[in-house]
Amino acid sequence: MARGMTSTPFPIMLTPTKELLEAAQKQAYAIGAFNLYRIERDLG
């Protein structure tokens, strides 16, 4: 299986939070916050 892929149909990419927040601040967009304990269940 390719890196960043799981058995779900959605790729899961991991990016450091600091990198996400810096990009959002620089480009003036919001970051959603989601608390998921079992993402497999939530993806269906």
C-alpha atoms as a PDB file:
ATOM      1  CA  MET A   1       0.000   0.000   0.000  1.00  0.00           C
ATOM      2  CA  ALA A   2       1.316   3.463  -0.878  1.00  0.00           C
ATOM      3  CA  ARG A   3       2.541   5.780   1.852  1.00  0.00           C
ATOM      4  CA  GLY A   4      -0.235   7.933   3.274  1.00  0.00           C
ATOM      5  CA  MET A   5      -2.895   5.450   2.194  1.00  0.00           C
ATOM      6  CA  THR A   6      -4.995   3.195   4.393  1.00  0.00           C
ATOM      7  CA  SER A   7      -7.629   0.571   3.722  1.00  0.00           C
ATOM      8  CA  THR A   8     -10.190   3.395   3.582  1.00  0.00           C
ATOM      9  CA  PRO A   9     -10.919   5.142   0.283  1.00  0.00           C
ATOM     10  CA  PHE A  10      -9.555   8.410   1.739  1.00  0.00           C
ATOM     11  CA  PRO A  11      -5.834   9.212   1.968  1.00  0.00           C
ATOM     12  CA  ILE A  12      -4.627  10.266   5.398  1.00  0.00           C
ATOM     13  CA  MET A  13      -1.829  12.797   5.196  1.00  0.00           C
ATOM     14  CA  LEU A  14       0.020  13.837   8.327  1.00  0.00           C
ATOM     15  CA  THR A  15       1.371  17.375   8.537  1.00  0.00           C
ATOM     16  CA  PRO A  16       2.802  19.042  11.640  1.00  0.00           C
ATOM     17  CA  THR A  17       0.284  21.385  13.311  1.00  0.00           C
ATOM     18  CA  LYS A  18       2.799  24.220  13.359  1.00  0.00           C
ATOM     19  CA  GLU A  19       3.162  24.008   9.578  1.00  0.00           C
ATOM     20  CA  LEU A  20      -0.635  24.042   9.102  1.00  0.00           C
ATOM     21  CA  LEU A  21      -1.133  27.020  11.411  1.00  0.00           C
ATOM     22  CA  GLU A  22       1.695  29.047   9.901  1.00  0.00           C
ATOM     23  CA  ALA A  23       0.300  28.544   6.390  1.00  0.00           C
ATOM     24  CA  ALA A  24      -3.220  29.435   7.560  1.00  0.00           C
ATOM     25  CA  GLN A  25      -2.032  32.615   9.238  1.00  0.00           C
ATOM     26  CA  LYS A  26       0.057  33.650   6.243  1.00  0.00           C
ATOM     27  CA  GLN A  27      -2.752  33.022   3.745  1.00  0.00           C
ATOM     28  CA  ALA A  28      -5.607  34.169   6.041  1.00  0.00           C
ATOM     29  CA  TYR A  29      -7.738  31.031   6.239  1.00  0.00           C
ATOM     30  CA  ALA A  30      -9.201  29.015   9.093  1.00  0.00           C
ATOM     31  CA  ILE A  31      -8.325  25.499  10.224  1.00  0.00           C
ATOM     32  CA  GLY A  32     -11.167  23.248  11.396  1.00  0.00           C
ATOM     33  CA  ALA A  33     -10.683  21.257  14.587  1.00  0.00           C
ATOM     34  CA  PHE A  34     -12.126  17.744  14.738  1.00  0.00           C
ATOM     35  CA  ASN A  35     -11.814  15.358  17.661  1.00  0.00           C
ATOM     36  CA  LEU A  36     -11.977  11.841  16.223  1.00  0.00           C
ATOM     37  CA  TYR A  37     -11.117   8.828  18.321  1.00  0.00           C
ATOM     38  CA  ARG A  38     -11.810   6.250  15.617  1.00  0.00           C
ATOM     39  CA  ILE A  39     -11.503   7.868  12.215  1.00  0.00           C
ATOM     40  CA  GLU A  40     -12.239   4.533  10.493  1.00  0.00           C
ATOM     41  CA  ARG A  41     -15.711   4.519  12.056  1.00  0.00           C
ATOM     42  CA  ASP A  42     -16.349   8.136  11.164  1.00  0.00           C
ATOM     43  CA  LEU A  43     -15.296   7.704   7.546  1.00  0.00           C
ATOM     44  CA  GLY A  44     -17.870   4.971   7.125  1.00  0.00           C
END
